[in-house]
Amino acid sequence: MRTETTQPRTIILVKHARPQIIPTQAASEWRLGDEGRRKCAGLADALTAWKPEIIIASEELKARETAKLTAQRLGIPWRTAPGLHEHDRSNAPFLADETAFHKRIEALFAEPDAVVFGTETARAALIRFTTALDIALASVSERSIAVVAHGTVISLYVADRFGLDGFALWYRLGLPAFVVTDAPNHPAPVVVDQIR
């Protein structure tokens, strides 16, 4: 457990790299595809400006692989933490139609207290993710921490914290991407929405 200090921290929320989509498999079990693994090198290079000292990842495979590959390139440790997983859509069928999927996500942000997609409301996902993030951050002493998670929960968190349009942020974030939510001398979030 870290000791409290007034020293500012840098917190970077990373959306995992592109998985290989297998429609018959739960999204939580998807692994990174070739492009996703390749882009972890670019992600690591983009993160160097923020000097992360550790990466904490969601327990989902695609987030774990993103964290592992990125941490290896940066030469820093990584680990997982519970509760950082994506909005629970485990009961929803795979939506191959991208427009239909986007409409479901837009409804999720528009109606945060209703179960409009999956088994979890947007508000419940936000509370669960925020609590898990606070616990994970309290467990480390490093001053710059990257957290690899998922687009919906990251967007819910950033939108709630900074009063932004969550769906617009979700739509903007590539695979991978990141948002620096805390950093010395940066009062607003810094969004890096595309990694080459």
Protein backbone atom coordinates (compact mmCIF):
# COMPACT_ATOMS: atom_id res chain seq x y z
CA MET A 1 0.00 0.00 0.00
CA ARG A 2 1.42 3.37 -0.95
CA THR A 3 1.75 6.18 1.55
CA GLU A 4 -0.17 9.35 0.86
CA THR A 5 1.81 12.21 -0.55
CA THR A 6 1.10 15.60 -2.07
CA GLN A 7 3.35 14.84 -5.01
CA PRO A 8 1.32 14.86 -8.25
CA ARG A 9 0.85 11.65 -10.22
CA THR A 10 0.37 10.95 -13.89
CA ILE A 11 -2.48 8.55 -14.67
CA ILE A 12 -2.82 7.25 -18.24
CA LEU A 13 -5.90 5.26 -19.20
CA VAL A 14 -5.07 3.05 -22.19
CA LYS A 15 -7.62 1.43 -24.48
CA HIS A 16 -6.28 -2.01 -25.44
CA ALA A 17 -4.96 -2.82 -28.90
CA ARG A 18 -7.09 -4.43 -31.63
CA PRO A 19 -8.17 -8.00 -30.86
CA GLN A 20 -8.83 -10.80 -33.28
CA ILE A 21 -12.63 -10.88 -33.36
CA ILE A 22 -14.13 -14.35 -33.02
CA PRO A 23 -17.94 -13.94 -33.16
CA THR A 24 -18.58 -17.28 -31.45
CA GLN A 25 -16.39 -16.39 -28.47
CA ALA A 26 -17.09 -13.95 -25.63
CA ALA A 27 -15.33 -10.61 -26.26
CA SER A 28 -13.63 -10.93 -22.87
CA GLU A 29 -11.78 -13.98 -24.24
CA TRP A 30 -10.52 -12.34 -27.44
CA ARG A 31 -6.75 -12.17 -27.86
CA LEU A 32 -4.83 -9.56 -29.81
CA GLY A 33 -4.61 -10.02 -33.54
CA ASP A 34 -1.44 -9.43 -35.57
CA GLU A 35 -2.21 -5.72 -36.02
CA GLY A 36 -2.91 -5.31 -32.31
CA ARG A 37 0.37 -6.93 -31.31
CA ARG A 38 2.26 -4.80 -33.84
CA LYS A 39 0.67 -1.57 -32.60
CA CYS A 40 1.78 -2.23 -29.02
CA ALA A 41 5.25 -1.06 -30.12
CA GLY A 42 3.79 2.24 -31.32
CA LEU A 43 1.75 2.50 -28.12
CA ALA A 44 4.88 2.06 -26.02
CA ASP A 45 6.68 4.71 -28.07
CA ALA A 46 3.76 7.14 -27.65
CA LEU A 47 3.64 6.52 -23.89
CA THR A 48 7.33 7.32 -23.37
CA ALA A 49 6.58 11.05 -23.19
CA TRP A 50 4.52 10.34 -20.04
CA LYS A 51 7.22 8.12 -18.46
CA PRO A 52 5.01 5.33 -17.08
CA GLU A 53 6.77 3.31 -14.38
CA ILE A 54 4.22 0.49 -14.17
CA ILE A 55 1.24 -0.79 -16.15
CA ILE A 56 -1.87 -2.16 -14.48
CA ALA A 57 -4.27 -4.07 -16.73
CA SER A 58 -7.80 -5.37 -16.80
CA GLU A 59 -7.93 -9.14 -16.44
CA GLU A 60 -9.40 -9.53 -19.95
CA LEU A 61 -6.98 -11.25 -22.35
CA LYS A 62 -6.72 -8.42 -24.88
CA ALA A 63 -5.91 -5.92 -22.12
CA ARG A 64 -3.39 -8.26 -20.50
CA GLU A 65 -1.61 -8.86 -23.79
CA THR A 66 -1.54 -5.13 -24.55
CA ALA A 67 -0.05 -4.44 -21.13
CA LYS A 68 2.53 -7.23 -21.38
CA LEU A 69 3.80 -6.28 -24.85
CA THR A 70 3.86 -2.57 -24.07
CA ALA A 71 5.58 -3.08 -20.71
CA GLN A 72 8.21 -5.33 -22.30
CA ARG A 73 9.07 -2.64 -24.85
CA LEU A 74 9.19 0.04 -22.14
CA GLY A 75 11.16 -2.18 -19.74
CA ILE A 76 8.71 -1.67 -16.87
CA PRO A 77 6.66 -4.07 -14.72
CA TRP A 78 3.01 -4.85 -15.30
CA ARG A 79 0.24 -6.68 -13.46
CA THR A 80 -3.51 -7.13 -13.54
CA ALA A 81 -6.19 -5.85 -11.19
CA PRO A 82 -9.81 -6.97 -10.79
CA GLY A 83 -12.79 -4.81 -11.71
CA LEU A 84 -11.22 -2.94 -14.64
CA HIS A 85 -13.06 -5.01 -17.25
CA GLU A 86 -15.33 -3.67 -19.96
CA HIS A 87 -19.02 -2.84 -19.55
CA ASP A 88 -20.68 -6.25 -19.10
CA ARG A 89 -22.23 -7.31 -22.40
CA SER A 90 -21.76 -11.03 -21.80
CA ASN A 91 -25.43 -11.79 -22.55
CA ALA A 92 -25.51 -9.80 -25.79
CA PRO A 93 -24.98 -11.49 -29.15
CA PHE A 94 -22.09 -10.39 -31.35
CA LEU A 95 -23.17 -7.48 -33.55
CA ALA A 96 -21.40 -7.72 -36.89
CA ASP A 97 -23.26 -4.61 -38.09
CA GLU A 98 -21.03 -1.75 -36.90
CA THR A 99 -23.84 0.82 -37.15
CA ALA A 100 -26.12 -1.28 -34.94
CA PHE A 101 -23.30 -1.71 -32.39
CA HIS A 102 -22.64 2.05 -32.35
CA LYS A 103 -26.35 2.73 -31.76
CA ARG A 104 -26.33 0.38 -28.76
CA ILE A 105 -23.29 2.12 -27.29
CA GLU A 106 -24.82 5.55 -27.94
CA ALA A 107 -27.98 4.45 -26.09
CA LEU A 108 -25.84 3.22 -23.20
CA PHE A 109 -24.32 6.69 -22.78
CA ALA A 110 -27.69 8.44 -23.31
CA GLU A 111 -29.52 6.33 -20.70
CA PRO A 112 -26.95 5.68 -17.96
CA ASP A 113 -29.45 4.28 -15.45
CA ALA A 114 -31.15 1.82 -17.81
CA VAL A 115 -29.97 -1.60 -18.92
CA VAL A 116 -30.01 -0.91 -22.65
CA PHE A 117 -27.20 -3.22 -23.73
CA GLY A 118 -25.72 -6.13 -21.84
CA THR A 119 -26.34 -6.78 -18.13
CA GLU A 120 -24.88 -3.62 -16.59
CA THR A 121 -26.10 -0.03 -16.68
CA ALA A 122 -23.59 2.62 -17.69
CA ARG A 123 -23.73 4.03 -14.16
CA ALA A 124 -23.05 0.63 -12.59
CA ALA A 125 -20.10 0.10 -14.94
CA LEU A 126 -18.75 3.56 -14.07
CA ILE A 127 -19.02 2.96 -10.32
CA ARG A 128 -17.42 -0.48 -10.57
CA PHE A 129 -14.58 0.78 -12.78
CA THR A 130 -13.94 3.90 -10.65
CA THR A 131 -13.79 1.83 -7.46
CA ALA A 132 -11.44 -0.72 -9.05
CA LEU A 133 -9.24 2.05 -10.45
CA ASP A 134 -8.99 3.77 -7.06
CA ILE A 135 -8.02 0.49 -5.39
CA ALA A 136 -5.46 -0.35 -8.08
CA LEU A 137 -3.87 3.11 -7.91
CA ALA A 138 -3.74 3.02 -4.11
CA SER A 139 -1.76 -0.21 -4.28
CA VAL A 140 1.24 1.27 -6.12
CA SER A 141 3.75 3.97 -5.21
CA GLU A 142 4.89 4.87 -8.73
CA ARG A 143 4.34 8.45 -9.86
CA SER A 144 3.32 7.65 -13.46
CA ILE A 145 0.92 4.76 -13.99
CA ALA A 146 -0.63 3.41 -17.18
CA VAL A 147 -3.86 1.43 -16.82
CA VAL A 148 -4.89 -0.76 -19.76
CA ALA A 149 -8.65 -1.13 -19.88
CA HIS A 150 -11.50 -0.77 -22.36
CA GLY A 151 -13.14 1.92 -24.45
CA THR A 152 -16.55 2.11 -22.84
CA VAL A 153 -15.45 2.21 -19.20
CA ILE A 154 -12.61 4.63 -19.97
CA SER A 155 -15.03 6.94 -21.79
CA LEU A 156 -17.60 6.72 -18.99
CA TYR A 157 -14.93 7.61 -16.42
CA VAL A 158 -13.38 10.49 -18.37
CA ALA A 159 -16.79 11.91 -19.32
CA ASP A 160 -17.99 11.81 -15.71
CA ARG A 161 -14.83 13.32 -14.33
CA PHE A 162 -14.40 16.12 -16.84
CA GLY A 163 -17.95 16.77 -18.05
CA LEU A 164 -17.29 15.56 -21.59
CA ASP A 165 -19.49 13.80 -24.14
CA GLY A 166 -18.75 10.15 -23.35
CA PHE A 167 -20.08 8.71 -26.58
CA ALA A 168 -18.07 11.19 -28.67
CA LEU A 169 -14.93 10.19 -26.78
CA TRP A 170 -15.74 6.47 -27.15
CA TYR A 171 -16.26 6.92 -30.89
CA ARG A 172 -12.96 8.78 -31.21
CA LEU A 173 -10.72 6.29 -29.40
CA GLY A 174 -8.83 3.92 -31.69
CA LEU A 175 -7.35 0.53 -30.89
CA PRO A 176 -5.10 1.28 -29.07
CA ALA A 177 -5.45 4.83 -27.74
CA PHE A 178 -4.99 6.58 -24.42
CA VAL A 179 -6.23 9.44 -22.25
CA VAL A 180 -3.98 11.12 -19.71
CA THR A 181 -6.44 12.03 -16.96
CA ASP A 182 -3.95 13.34 -14.43
CA ALA A 183 -0.62 14.94 -15.10
CA PRO A 184 1.33 17.79 -13.54
CA ASN A 185 0.59 21.05 -15.37
CA HIS A 186 -2.27 19.50 -17.40
CA PRO A 187 -5.65 20.45 -15.87
CA ALA A 188 -7.61 18.90 -18.75
CA PRO A 189 -7.35 15.38 -20.14
CA VAL A 190 -4.91 14.76 -22.98
CA VAL A 191 -6.37 12.41 -25.62
CA VAL A 192 -4.15 10.42 -27.98
CA ASP A 193 -6.85 8.77 -30.07
CA GLN A 194 -4.79 6.99 -32.72
CA ILE A 195 -1.55 5.05 -32.55
CA ARG A 196 0.35 4.41 -35.78
